[in-house]
Amino acid sequence: MASVGDPRGTTRLVFEASDPADLTALRTWLRAQRPGLDAQLTAPRSTRGELGVIEVLTVLASSTVLSSAIKTLPEFIRSRRSGIRIDATARGQKVSIEATNVEEVLPILKKLLDDER
């Protein structure tokens, strides 16, 4: 589920959540923040013999749009119940975002997205 550049200049960012219901809420949230953002719930790719998550949220957009959208993640995470965990994968790097580490992790995720330009 690595981030992959697209010929049209888009970047792929994949989200997993501790509770799959949070992915629907995250998709709605991100689309409200950035209308027109391509965010789809999809079945993840899994390797043979691997148990995977039920769904992931795949977001396709330019790095600039994604960087702007992820800046709103702290507000989204804090608006949810305690214990939410979101894993974001960009450029083959996975980071886990929780209410307790959101301020530390978002700059790392933003840097991963900025490095794709």
PDB file of N, CA and C in Angstrom:
ATOM      1  N   MET A   1       0.820  -1.178   0.000  1.00  0.00           N
ATOM      2  CA  MET A   1       0.000   0.000   0.000  1.00  0.00           C
ATOM      3  C   MET A   1       0.864   1.242   0.000  1.00  0.00           C
ATOM      4  N   ALA A   2       1.912   1.231  -0.708  1.00  0.00           N
ATOM      5  CA  ALA A   2       2.817   2.366  -0.760  1.00  0.00           C
ATOM      6  C   ALA A   2       2.208   3.488  -1.580  1.00  0.00           C
ATOM      7  N   SER A   3       2.690   4.678  -1.293  1.00  0.00           N
ATOM      8  CA  SER A   3       2.276   5.820  -2.079  1.00  0.00           C
ATOM      9  C   SER A   3       2.917   5.721  -3.452  1.00  0.00           C
ATOM     10  N   VAL A   4       2.144   5.968  -4.466  1.00  0.00           N
ATOM     11  CA  VAL A   4       2.654   5.845  -5.824  1.00  0.00           C
ATOM     12  C   VAL A   4       2.287   7.099  -6.598  1.00  0.00           C
ATOM     13  N   GLY A   5       3.241   7.682  -7.262  1.00  0.00           N
ATOM     14  CA  GLY A   5       2.939   8.815  -8.124  1.00  0.00           C
ATOM     15  C   GLY A   5       2.120   8.338  -9.300  1.00  0.00           C
ATOM     16  N   ASP A   6       1.276   9.172  -9.819  1.00  0.00           N
ATOM     17  CA  ASP A   6       0.408   8.849 -10.937  1.00  0.00           C
ATOM     18  C   ASP A   6       0.836   9.713 -12.118  1.00  0.00           C
ATOM     19  N   PRO A   7       0.724   9.220 -13.326  1.00  0.00           N
ATOM     20  CA  PRO A   7       1.129  10.011 -14.488  1.00  0.00           C
ATOM     21  C   PRO A   7       0.439  11.367 -14.570  1.00  0.00           C
ATOM     22  N   ARG A   8      -0.722  11.486 -13.975  1.00  0.00           N
ATOM     23  CA  ARG A   8      -1.432  12.766 -14.023  1.00  0.00           C
ATOM     24  C   ARG A   8      -0.980  13.695 -12.911  1.00  0.00           C
ATOM     25  N   GLY A   9       0.082  13.361 -12.211  1.00  0.00           N
ATOM     26  CA  GLY A   9       0.605  14.229 -11.166  1.00  0.00           C
ATOM     27  C   GLY A   9      -0.061  14.051  -9.818  1.00  0.00           C
ATOM     28  N   THR A  10      -0.727  12.928  -9.605  1.00  0.00           N
ATOM     29  CA  THR A  10      -1.366  12.703  -8.319  1.00  0.00           C
ATOM     30  C   THR A  10      -0.515  11.783  -7.458  1.00  0.00           C
ATOM     31  N   THR A  11      -0.802  11.824  -6.190  1.00  0.00           N
ATOM     32  CA  THR A  11      -0.111  11.010  -5.205  1.00  0.00           C
ATOM     33  C   THR A  11      -1.142  10.179  -4.473  1.00  0.00           C
ATOM     34  N   ARG A  12      -0.754   8.962  -4.104  1.00  0.00           N
ATOM     35  CA  ARG A  12      -1.654   8.057  -3.387  1.00  0.00           C
ATOM     36  C   ARG A  12      -1.264   8.051  -1.903  1.00  0.00           C
ATOM     37  N   LEU A  13      -2.268   8.242  -1.068  1.00  0.00           N
ATOM     38  CA  LEU A  13      -2.100   8.162   0.377  1.00  0.00           C
ATOM     39  C   LEU A  13      -3.140   7.183   0.875  1.00  0.00           C
ATOM     40  N   VAL A  14      -2.715   6.176   1.635  1.00  0.00           N
ATOM     41  CA  VAL A  14      -3.617   5.127   2.088  1.00  0.00           C
ATOM     42  C   VAL A  14      -3.768   5.215   3.601  1.00  0.00           C
ATOM     43  N   PHE A  15      -5.021   5.238   4.054  1.00  0.00           N
ATOM     44  CA  PHE A  15      -5.329   5.282   5.480  1.00  0.00           C
ATOM     45  C   PHE A  15      -5.962   3.976   5.920  1.00  0.00           C
ATOM     46  N   GLU A  16      -5.564   3.485   7.080  1.00  0.00           N
ATOM     47  CA  GLU A  16      -6.222   2.383   7.775  1.00  0.00           C
ATOM     48  C   GLU A  16      -6.624   2.940   9.134  1.00  0.00           C
ATOM     49  N   ALA A  17      -7.646   2.373   9.753  1.00  0.00           N
ATOM     50  CA  ALA A  17      -8.085   2.874  11.053  1.00  0.00           C
ATOM     51  C   ALA A  17      -8.315   1.724  12.015  1.00  0.00           C
ATOM     52  N   SER A  18      -8.170   2.020  13.312  1.00  0.00           N
ATOM     53  CA  SER A  18      -8.397   1.013  14.334  1.00  0.00           C
ATOM     54  C   SER A  18      -9.841   0.527  14.295  1.00  0.00           C
ATOM     55  N   ASP A  19     -10.747   1.403  13.901  1.00  0.00           N
ATOM     56  CA  ASP A  19     -12.154   1.038  13.723  1.00  0.00           C
ATOM     57  C   ASP A  19     -12.530   1.394  12.282  1.00  0.00           C
ATOM     58  N   PRO A  20     -12.867   0.411  11.456  1.00  0.00           N
ATOM     59  CA  PRO A  20     -13.185   0.697  10.046  1.00  0.00           C
ATOM     60  C   PRO A  20     -14.271   1.754   9.859  1.00  0.00           C
ATOM     61  N   ALA A  21     -15.171   1.909  10.817  1.00  0.00           N
ATOM     62  CA  ALA A  21     -16.219   2.936  10.705  1.00  0.00           C
ATOM     63  C   ALA A  21     -15.604   4.337  10.671  1.00  0.00           C
ATOM     64  N   ASP A  22     -14.423   4.495  11.265  1.00  0.00           N
ATOM     65  CA  ASP A  22     -13.762   5.800  11.258  1.00  0.00           C
ATOM     66  C   ASP A  22     -13.306   6.189   9.857  1.00  0.00           C
ATOM     67  N   LEU A  23     -13.101   5.210   8.981  1.00  0.00           N
ATOM     68  CA  LEU A  23     -12.666   5.525   7.617  1.00  0.00           C
ATOM     69  C   LEU A  23     -13.746   6.273   6.847  1.00  0.00           C
ATOM     70  N   THR A  24     -14.991   5.884   7.034  1.00  0.00           N
ATOM     71  CA  THR A  24     -16.091   6.586   6.369  1.00  0.00           C
ATOM     72  C   THR A  24     -16.157   8.021   6.866  1.00  0.00           C
ATOM     73  N   ALA A  25     -16.034   8.184   8.169  1.00  0.00           N
ATOM     74  CA  ALA A  25     -16.050   9.537   8.746  1.00  0.00           C
ATOM     75  C   ALA A  25     -14.855  10.350   8.252  1.00  0.00           C
ATOM     76  N   LEU A  26     -13.683   9.722   8.148  1.00  0.00           N
ATOM     77  CA  LEU A  26     -12.497  10.422   7.659  1.00  0.00           C
ATOM     78  C   LEU A  26     -12.670  10.829   6.200  1.00  0.00           C
ATOM     79  N   ARG A  27     -13.239   9.942   5.388  1.00  0.00           N
ATOM     80  CA  ARG A  27     -13.487  10.283   3.984  1.00  0.00           C
ATOM     81  C   ARG A  27     -14.398  11.491   3.887  1.00  0.00           C
ATOM     82  N   THR A  28     -15.483  11.498   4.647  1.00  0.00           N
ATOM     83  CA  THR A  28     -16.415  12.625   4.651  1.00  0.00           C
ATOM     84  C   THR A  28     -15.707  13.903   5.099  1.00  0.00           C
ATOM     85  N   TRP A  29     -14.896  13.785   6.133  1.00  0.00           N
ATOM     86  CA  TRP A  29     -14.159  14.934   6.676  1.00  0.00           C
ATOM     87  C   TRP A  29     -13.201  15.504   5.628  1.00  0.00           C
ATOM     88  N   LEU A  30     -12.396  14.639   5.018  1.00  0.00           N
ATOM     89  CA  LEU A  30     -11.420  15.114   4.041  1.00  0.00           C
ATOM     90  C   LEU A  30     -12.094  15.747   2.831  1.00  0.00           C
ATOM     91  N   ARG A  31     -13.187  15.162   2.370  1.00  0.00           N
ATOM     92  CA  ARG A  31     -13.915  15.724   1.227  1.00  0.00           C
ATOM     93  C   ARG A  31     -14.506  17.085   1.573  1.00  0.00           C
ATOM     94  N   ALA A  32     -14.929  17.269   2.831  1.00  0.00           N
ATOM     95  CA  ALA A  32     -15.463  18.568   3.255  1.00  0.00           C
ATOM     96  C   ALA A  32     -14.353  19.615   3.308  1.00  0.00           C
ATOM     97  N   GLN A  33     -13.154  19.185   3.692  1.00  0.00           N
ATOM     98  CA  GLN A  33     -12.028  20.104   3.775  1.00  0.00           C
ATOM     99  C   GLN A  33     -11.512  20.499   2.399  1.00  0.00           C
ATOM    100  N   ARG A  34     -11.509  19.537   1.493  1.00  0.00           N
ATOM    101  CA  ARG A  34     -11.000  19.747   0.133  1.00  0.00           C
ATOM    102  C   ARG A  34     -11.996  19.178  -0.860  1.00  0.00           C
ATOM    103  N   PRO A  35     -13.037  19.948  -1.219  1.00  0.00           N
ATOM    104  CA  PRO A  35     -14.016  19.447  -2.188  1.00  0.00           C
ATOM    105  C   PRO A  35     -13.320  18.965  -3.463  1.00  0.00           C
ATOM    106  N   GLY A  36     -13.807  17.867  -3.987  1.00  0.00           N
ATOM    107  CA  GLY A  36     -13.230  17.294  -5.193  1.00  0.00           C
ATOM    108  C   GLY A  36     -12.097  16.320  -4.923  1.00  0.00           C
ATOM    109  N   LEU A  37     -11.710  16.171  -3.673  1.00  0.00           N
ATOM    110  CA  LEU A  37     -10.654  15.226  -3.318  1.00  0.00           C
ATOM    111  C   LEU A  37     -11.130  13.813  -3.638  1.00  0.00           C
ATOM    112  N   ASP A  38     -10.324  13.038  -4.324  1.00  0.00           N
ATOM    113  CA  ASP A  38     -10.666  11.668  -4.693  1.00  0.00           C
ATOM    114  C   ASP A  38     -10.315  10.748  -3.529  1.00  0.00           C
ATOM    115  N   ALA A  39     -11.311  10.374  -2.747  1.00  0.00           N
ATOM    116  CA  ALA A  39     -11.116   9.509  -1.582  1.00  0.00           C
ATOM    117  C   ALA A  39     -12.100   8.355  -1.672  1.00  0.00           C
ATOM    118  N   GLN A  40     -11.566   7.129  -1.779  1.00  0.00           N
ATOM    119  CA  GLN A  40     -12.403   5.949  -1.980  1.00  0.00           C
ATOM    120  C   GLN A  40     -12.100   4.879  -0.942  1.00  0.00           C
ATOM    121  N   LEU A  41     -13.155   4.249  -0.436  1.00  0.00           N
ATOM    122  CA  LEU A  41     -12.983   3.083   0.420  1.00  0.00           C
ATOM    123  C   LEU A  41     -12.740   1.887  -0.489  1.00  0.00           C
ATOM    124  N   THR A  42     -11.667   1.170  -0.242  1.00  0.00           N
ATOM    125  CA  THR A  42     -11.301   0.042  -1.100  1.00  0.00           C
ATOM    126  C   THR A  42     -10.820  -1.123  -0.254  1.00  0.00           C
ATOM    127  N   ALA A  43     -10.832  -2.295  -0.847  1.00  0.00           N
ATOM    128  CA  ALA A  43     -10.240  -3.467  -0.189  1.00  0.00           C
ATOM    129  C   ALA A  43      -8.726  -3.346  -0.338  1.00  0.00           C
ATOM    130  N   PRO A  44      -7.988  -3.604   0.719  1.00  0.00           N
ATOM    131  CA  PRO A  44      -6.534  -3.476   0.637  1.00  0.00           C
ATOM    132  C   PRO A  44      -5.914  -4.634  -0.127  1.00  0.00           C
ATOM    133  N   ARG A  45      -4.723  -4.408  -0.618  1.00  0.00           N
ATOM    134  CA  ARG A  45      -3.957  -5.499  -1.214  1.00  0.00           C
ATOM    135  C   ARG A  45      -3.343  -6.289  -0.074  1.00  0.00           C
ATOM    136  N   SER A  46      -3.391  -7.581  -0.166  1.00  0.00           N
ATOM    137  CA  SER A  46      -2.739  -8.395   0.858  1.00  0.00           C
ATOM    138  C   SER A  46      -1.890  -9.449   0.169  1.00  0.00           C
ATOM    139  N   THR A  47      -0.872  -9.852   0.878  1.00  0.00           N
ATOM    140  CA  THR A  47      -0.016 -10.886   0.322  1.00  0.00           C
ATOM    141  C   THR A  47      -0.547 -12.246   0.729  1.00  0.00           C
ATOM    142  N   ARG A  48      -0.132 -13.261   0.038  1.00  0.00           N
ATOM    143  CA  ARG A  48      -0.610 -14.617   0.272  1.00  0.00           C
ATOM    144  C   ARG A  48      -0.404 -15.013   1.734  1.00  0.00           C
ATOM    145  N   GLY A  49      -1.462 -15.530   2.345  1.00  0.00           N
ATOM    146  CA  GLY A  49      -1.396 -15.992   3.720  1.00  0.00           C
ATOM    147  C   GLY A  49      -1.453 -14.889   4.753  1.00  0.00           C
ATOM    148  N   GLU A  50      -1.645 -13.636   4.314  1.00  0.00           N
ATOM    149  CA  GLU A  50      -1.667 -12.517   5.241  1.00  0.00           C
ATOM    150  C   GLU A  50      -3.106 -12.113   5.523  1.00  0.00           C
ATOM    151  N   LEU A  51      -3.417 -11.920   6.782  1.00  0.00           N
ATOM    152  CA  LEU A  51      -4.721 -11.398   7.149  1.00  0.00           C
ATOM    153  C   LEU A  51      -4.618  -9.886   7.124  1.00  0.00           C
ATOM    154  N   GLY A  52      -5.491  -9.256   6.404  1.00  0.00           N
ATOM    155  CA  GLY A  52      -5.420  -7.804   6.286  1.00  0.00           C
ATOM    156  C   GLY A  52      -6.615  -7.130   6.917  1.00  0.00           C
ATOM    157  N   VAL A  53      -6.659  -5.826   6.780  1.00  0.00           N
ATOM    158  CA  VAL A  53      -7.792  -5.062   7.267  1.00  0.00           C
ATOM    159  C   VAL A  53      -8.924  -5.195   6.261  1.00  0.00           C
ATOM    160  N   ILE A  54     -10.128  -4.882   6.704  1.00  0.00           N
ATOM    161  CA  ILE A  54     -11.300  -5.042   5.851  1.00  0.00           C
ATOM    162  C   ILE A  54     -11.340  -3.996   4.753  1.00  0.00           C
ATOM    163  N   GLU A  55     -11.092  -2.737   5.097  1.00  0.00           N
ATOM    164  CA  GLU A  55     -11.111  -1.656   4.124  1.00  0.00           C
ATOM    165  C   GLU A  55     -10.001  -0.673   4.435  1.00  0.00           C
ATOM    166  N   VAL A  56      -9.594   0.039   3.404  1.00  0.00           N
ATOM    167  CA  VAL A  56      -8.686   1.154   3.562  1.00  0.00           C
ATOM    168  C   VAL A  56      -9.305   2.343   2.834  1.00  0.00           C
ATOM    169  N   LEU A  57      -8.860   3.519   3.192  1.00  0.00           N
ATOM    170  CA  LEU A  57      -9.282   4.730   2.497  1.00  0.00           C
ATOM    171  C   LEU A  57      -8.113   5.165   1.630  1.00  0.00           C
ATOM    172  N   THR A  58      -8.317   5.157   0.333  1.00  0.00           N
ATOM    173  CA  THR A  58      -7.291   5.551  -0.606  1.00  0.00           C
ATOM    174  C   THR A  58      -7.616   6.943  -1.126  1.00  0.00           C
ATOM    175  N   VAL A  59      -6.656   7.845  -0.986  1.00  0.00           N
ATOM    176  CA  VAL A  59      -6.843   9.232  -1.408  1.00  0.00           C
ATOM    177  C   VAL A  59      -5.851   9.529  -2.522  1.00  0.00           C
ATOM    178  N   LEU A  60      -6.343  10.038  -3.625  1.00  0.00           N
ATOM    179  CA  LEU A  60      -5.505  10.455  -4.751  1.00  0.00           C
ATOM    180  C   LEU A  60      -5.651  11.952  -4.935  1.00  0.00           C
ATOM    181  N   ALA A  61      -4.527  12.650  -4.911  1.00  0.00           N
ATOM    182  CA  ALA A  61      -4.522  14.101  -5.117  1.00  0.00           C
ATOM    183  C   ALA A  61      -3.089  14.543  -5.311  1.00  0.00           C
ATOM    184  N   SER A  62      -2.921  15.802  -5.641  1.00  0.00           N
ATOM    185  CA  SER A  62      -1.559  16.330  -5.734  1.00  0.00           C
ATOM    186  C   SER A  62      -0.979  16.387  -4.323  1.00  0.00           C
ATOM    187  N   SER A  63       0.332  16.382  -4.221  1.00  0.00           N
ATOM    188  CA  SER A  63       0.989  16.464  -2.913  1.00  0.00           C
ATOM    189  C   SER A  63       0.559  17.721  -2.174  1.00  0.00           C
ATOM    190  N   THR A  64       0.376  18.806  -2.892  1.00  0.00           N
ATOM    191  CA  THR A  64      -0.037  20.065  -2.271  1.00  0.00           C
ATOM    192  C   THR A  64      -1.416  19.935  -1.642  1.00  0.00           C
ATOM    193  N   VAL A  65      -2.347  19.343  -2.368  1.00  0.00           N
ATOM    194  CA  VAL A  65      -3.711  19.165  -1.853  1.00  0.00           C
ATOM    195  C   VAL A  65      -3.689  18.217  -0.662  1.00  0.00           C
ATOM    196  N   LEU A  66      -2.930  17.119  -0.755  1.00  0.00           N
ATOM    197  CA  LEU A  66      -2.851  16.179   0.355  1.00  0.00           C
ATOM    198  C   LEU A  66      -2.235  16.824   1.584  1.00  0.00           C
ATOM    199  N   SER A  67      -1.175  17.594   1.412  1.00  0.00           N
ATOM    200  CA  SER A  67      -0.544  18.264   2.546  1.00  0.00           C
ATOM    201  C   SER A  67      -1.532  19.196   3.234  1.00  0.00           C
ATOM    202  N   SER A  68      -2.309  19.901   2.430  1.00  0.00           N
ATOM    203  CA  SER A  68      -3.315  20.804   2.975  1.00  0.00           C
ATOM    204  C   SER A  68      -4.395  20.028   3.732  1.00  0.00           C
ATOM    205  N   ALA A  69      -4.835  18.912   3.156  1.00  0.00           N
ATOM    206  CA  ALA A  69      -5.901  18.117   3.780  1.00  0.00           C
ATOM    207  C   ALA A  69      -5.436  17.477   5.085  1.00  0.00           C
ATOM    208  N   ILE A  70      -4.203  16.974   5.138  1.00  0.00           N
ATOM    209  CA  ILE A  70      -3.766  16.300   6.359  1.00  0.00           C
ATOM    210  C   ILE A  70      -3.531  17.269   7.506  1.00  0.00           C
ATOM    211  N   LYS A  71      -3.387  18.551   7.205  1.00  0.00           N
ATOM    212  CA  LYS A  71      -3.254  19.537   8.284  1.00  0.00           C
ATOM    213  C   LYS A  71      -4.496  19.561   9.159  1.00  0.00           C
ATOM    214  N   THR A  72      -5.621  19.078   8.630  1.00  0.00           N
ATOM    215  CA  THR A  72      -6.868  19.080   9.394  1.00  0.00           C
ATOM    216  C   THR A  72      -7.036  17.805  10.228  1.00  0.00           C
ATOM    217  N   LEU A  73      -6.132  16.833  10.081  1.00  0.00           N
ATOM    218  CA  LEU A  73      -6.264  15.570  10.818  1.00  0.00           C
ATOM    219  C   LEU A  73      -6.307  15.735  12.334  1.00  0.00           C
ATOM    220  N   PRO A  74      -5.509  16.641  12.934  1.00  0.00           N
ATOM    221  CA  PRO A  74      -5.613  16.770  14.396  1.00  0.00           C
ATOM    222  C   PRO A  74      -7.032  17.100  14.854  1.00  0.00           C
ATOM    223  N   GLU A  75      -7.679  17.992  14.135  1.00  0.00           N
ATOM    224  CA  GLU A  75      -9.057  18.355  14.492  1.00  0.00           C
ATOM    225  C   GLU A  75      -9.984  17.154  14.353  1.00  0.00           C
ATOM    226  N   PHE A  76      -9.821  16.398  13.280  1.00  0.00           N
ATOM    227  CA  PHE A  76     -10.654  15.205  13.074  1.00  0.00           C
ATOM    228  C   PHE A  76     -10.426  14.192  14.197  1.00  0.00           C
ATOM    229  N   ILE A  77      -9.183  13.894  14.496  1.00  0.00           N
ATOM    230  CA  ILE A  77      -8.863  12.888  15.512  1.00  0.00           C
ATOM    231  C   ILE A  77      -9.388  13.314  16.874  1.00  0.00           C
ATOM    232  N   ARG A  78      -9.230  14.579  17.200  1.00  0.00           N
ATOM    233  CA  ARG A  78      -9.718  15.058  18.506  1.00  0.00           C
ATOM    234  C   ARG A  78     -11.242  15.066  18.586  1.00  0.00           C
ATOM    235  N   SER A  79     -11.909  15.124  17.437  1.00  0.00           N
ATOM    236  CA  SER A  79     -13.374  15.130  17.440  1.00  0.00           C
ATOM    237  C   SER A  79     -13.966  13.737  17.627  1.00  0.00           C
ATOM    238  N   ARG A  80     -13.141  12.722  17.467  1.00  0.00           N
ATOM    239  CA  ARG A  80     -13.596  11.338  17.594  1.00  0.00           C
ATOM    240  C   ARG A  80     -13.457  10.875  19.035  1.00  0.00           C
ATOM    241  N   ARG A  81     -13.966   9.706  19.308  1.00  0.00           N
ATOM    242  CA  ARG A  81     -13.838   9.139  20.641  1.00  0.00           C
ATOM    243  C   ARG A  81     -12.367   8.851  20.943  1.00  0.00           C
ATOM    244  N   SER A  82     -12.058   8.681  22.193  1.00  0.00           N
ATOM    245  CA  SER A  82     -10.672   8.387  22.543  1.00  0.00           C
ATOM    246  C   SER A  82     -10.271   7.026  21.995  1.00  0.00           C
ATOM    247  N   GLY A  83      -9.003   6.834  21.765  1.00  0.00           N
ATOM    248  CA  GLY A  83      -8.505   5.553  21.321  1.00  0.00           C
ATOM    249  C   GLY A  83      -8.438   5.376  19.819  1.00  0.00           C
ATOM    250  N   ILE A  84      -8.823   6.391  19.046  1.00  0.00           N
ATOM    251  CA  ILE A  84      -8.752   6.259  17.593  1.00  0.00           C
ATOM    252  C   ILE A  84      -7.283   6.209  17.163  1.00  0.00           C
ATOM    253  N   ARG A  85      -7.030   5.360  16.200  1.00  0.00           N
ATOM    254  CA  ARG A  85      -5.691   5.255  15.613  1.00  0.00           C
ATOM    255  C   ARG A  85      -5.848   5.152  14.107  1.00  0.00           C
ATOM    256  N   ILE A  86      -5.109   5.990  13.409  1.00  0.00           N
ATOM    257  CA  ILE A  86      -5.130   5.984  11.953  1.00  0.00           C
ATOM    258  C   ILE A  86      -3.709   5.738  11.481  1.00  0.00           C
ATOM    259  N   ASP A  87      -3.552   4.761  10.603  1.00  0.00           N
ATOM    260  CA  ASP A  87      -2.257   4.504   9.981  1.00  0.00           C
ATOM    261  C   ASP A  87      -2.299   5.098   8.581  1.00  0.00           C
ATOM    262  N   ALA A  88      -1.300   5.893   8.252  1.00  0.00           N
ATOM    263  CA  ALA A  88      -1.206   6.495   6.928  1.00  0.00           C
ATOM    264  C   ALA A  88       0.057   5.987   6.258  1.00  0.00           C
ATOM    265  N   THR A  89      -0.070   5.553   5.015  1.00  0.00           N
ATOM    266  CA  THR A  89       1.072   5.055   4.254  1.00  0.00           C
ATOM    267  C   THR A  89       1.309   5.964   3.057  1.00  0.00           C
ATOM    268  N   ALA A  90       2.518   6.502   2.996  1.00  0.00           N
ATOM    269  CA  ALA A  90       2.931   7.349   1.879  1.00  0.00           C
ATOM    270  C   ALA A  90       4.367   6.997   1.538  1.00  0.00           C
ATOM    271  N   ARG A  91       4.624   6.808   0.243  1.00  0.00           N
ATOM    272  CA  ARG A  91       5.967   6.471  -0.243  1.00  0.00           C
ATOM    273  C   ARG A  91       6.545   5.240   0.440  1.00  0.00           C
ATOM    274  N   GLY A  92       5.694   4.283   0.763  1.00  0.00           N
ATOM    275  CA  GLY A  92       6.148   3.055   1.404  1.00  0.00           C
ATOM    276  C   GLY A  92       6.435   3.203   2.884  1.00  0.00           C
ATOM    277  N   GLN A  93       6.200   4.364   3.439  1.00  0.00           N
ATOM    278  CA  GLN A  93       6.434   4.617   4.853  1.00  0.00           C
ATOM    279  C   GLN A  93       5.088   4.698   5.576  1.00  0.00           C
ATOM    280  N   LYS A  94       4.944   3.915   6.619  1.00  0.00           N
ATOM    281  CA  LYS A  94       3.698   3.913   7.386  1.00  0.00           C
ATOM    282  C   LYS A  94       3.925   4.638   8.705  1.00  0.00           C
ATOM    283  N   VAL A  95       3.010   5.555   9.015  1.00  0.00           N
ATOM    284  CA  VAL A  95       3.041   6.252  10.298  1.00  0.00           C
ATOM    285  C   VAL A  95       1.698   6.059  10.980  1.00  0.00           C
ATOM    286  N   SER A  96       1.728   5.908  12.292  1.00  0.00           N
ATOM    287  CA  SER A  96       0.511   5.755  13.080  1.00  0.00           C
ATOM    288  C   SER A  96       0.206   7.073  13.774  1.00  0.00           C
ATOM    289  N   ILE A  97      -1.028   7.507  13.620  1.00  0.00           N
ATOM    290  CA  ILE A  97      -1.451   8.786  14.171  1.00  0.00           C
ATOM    291  C   ILE A  97      -2.516   8.524  15.225  1.00  0.00           C
ATOM    292  N   GLU A  98      -2.270   9.037  16.426  1.00  0.00           N
ATOM    293  CA  GLU A  98      -3.213   8.935  17.531  1.00  0.00           C
ATOM    294  C   GLU A  98      -3.349  10.308  18.167  1.00  0.00           C
ATOM    295  N   ALA A  99      -4.354  10.476  19.015  1.00  0.00           N
ATOM    296  CA  ALA A  99      -4.547  11.757  19.682  1.00  0.00           C
ATOM    297  C   ALA A  99      -3.312  12.149  20.492  1.00  0.00           C
ATOM    298  N   THR A 100      -2.591  11.158  21.008  1.00  0.00           N
ATOM    299  CA  THR A 100      -1.440  11.454  21.856  1.00  0.00           C
ATOM    300  C   THR A 100      -0.184  11.835  21.083  1.00  0.00           C
ATOM    301  N   ASN A 101      -0.118  11.540  19.775  1.00  0.00           N
ATOM    302  CA  ASN A 101       1.102  11.839  19.027  1.00  0.00           C
ATOM    303  C   ASN A 101       0.861  12.637  17.746  1.00  0.00           C
ATOM    304  N   VAL A 102      -0.345  13.112  17.558  1.00  0.00           N
ATOM    305  CA  VAL A 102      -0.714  13.740  16.290  1.00  0.00           C
ATOM    306  C   VAL A 102       0.186  14.928  15.942  1.00  0.00           C
ATOM    307  N   GLU A 103       0.566  15.725  16.907  1.00  0.00           N
ATOM    308  CA  GLU A 103       1.405  16.893  16.621  1.00  0.00           C
ATOM    309  C   GLU A 103       2.814  16.486  16.209  1.00  0.00           C
ATOM    310  N   GLU A 104       3.284  15.339  16.669  1.00  0.00           N
ATOM    311  CA  GLU A 104       4.615  14.853  16.305  1.00  0.00           C
ATOM    312  C   GLU A 104       4.618  14.173  14.936  1.00  0.00           C
ATOM    313  N   VAL A 105       3.566  13.450  14.624  1.00  0.00           N
ATOM    314  CA  VAL A 105       3.534  12.619  13.427  1.00  0.00           C
ATOM    315  C   VAL A 105       3.175  13.396  12.163  1.00  0.00           C
ATOM    316  N   LEU A 106       2.291  14.369  12.243  1.00  0.00           N
ATOM    317  CA  LEU A 106       1.864  15.072  11.037  1.00  0.00           C
ATOM    318  C   LEU A 106       3.012  15.746  10.289  1.00  0.00           C
ATOM    319  N   PRO A 107       3.998  16.362  10.964  1.00  0.00           N
ATOM    320  CA  PRO A 107       5.117  16.908  10.187  1.00  0.00           C
ATOM    321  C   PRO A 107       5.881  15.832   9.412  1.00  0.00           C
ATOM    322  N   ILE A 108       5.967  14.634   9.960  1.00  0.00           N
ATOM    323  CA  ILE A 108       6.640  13.534   9.268  1.00  0.00           C
ATOM    324  C   ILE A 108       5.858  13.153   8.016  1.00  0.00           C
ATOM    325  N   LEU A 109       4.542  13.009   8.147  1.00  0.00           N
ATOM    326  CA  LEU A 109       3.701  12.665   7.004  1.00  0.00           C
ATOM    327  C   LEU A 109       3.754  13.764   5.952  1.00  0.00           C
ATOM    328  N   LYS A 110       3.706  15.009   6.374  1.00  0.00           N
ATOM    329  CA  LYS A 110       3.777  16.127   5.436  1.00  0.00           C
ATOM    330  C   LYS A 110       5.105  16.105   4.688  1.00  0.00           C
ATOM    331  N   LYS A 111       6.201  15.811   5.379  1.00  0.00           N
ATOM    332  CA  LYS A 111       7.505  15.742   4.724  1.00  0.00           C
ATOM    333  C   LYS A 111       7.536  14.613   3.684  1.00  0.00           C
ATOM    334  N   LEU A 112       6.936  13.470   4.018  1.00  0.00           N
ATOM    335  CA  LEU A 112       6.869  12.373   3.045  1.00  0.00           C
ATOM    336  C   LEU A 112       6.151  12.810   1.777  1.00  0.00           C
ATOM    337  N   LEU A 113       5.069  13.542   1.938  1.00  0.00           N
ATOM    338  CA  LEU A 113       4.321  14.010   0.778  1.00  0.00           C
ATOM    339  C   LEU A 113       5.089  15.070   0.015  1.00  0.00           C
ATOM    340  N   ASP A 114       5.754  15.966   0.733  1.00  0.00           N
ATOM    341  CA  ASP A 114       6.515  17.038   0.075  1.00  0.00           C
ATOM    342  C   ASP A 114       7.701  16.472  -0.695  1.00  0.00           C
ATOM    343  N   ASP A 115       8.272  15.376  -0.218  1.00  0.00           N
ATOM    344  CA  ASP A 115       9.431  14.761  -0.885  1.00  0.00           C
ATOM    345  C   ASP A 115       9.074  14.173  -2.239  1.00  0.00           C
ATOM    346  N   GLU A 116       7.793  13.991  -2.531  1.00  0.00           N
ATOM    347  CA  GLU A 116       7.376  13.402  -3.803  1.00  0.00           C
ATOM    348  C   GLU A 116       7.399  14.399  -4.934  1.00  0.00           C
ATOM    349  N   ARG A 117       7.466  15.658  -4.630  1.00  0.00           N
ATOM    350  CA  ARG A 117       7.434  16.682  -5.685  1.00  0.00           C
ATOM    351  C   ARG A 117       8.688  16.688  -6.485  1.00  0.00           C
TER     352      ARG A 117
END
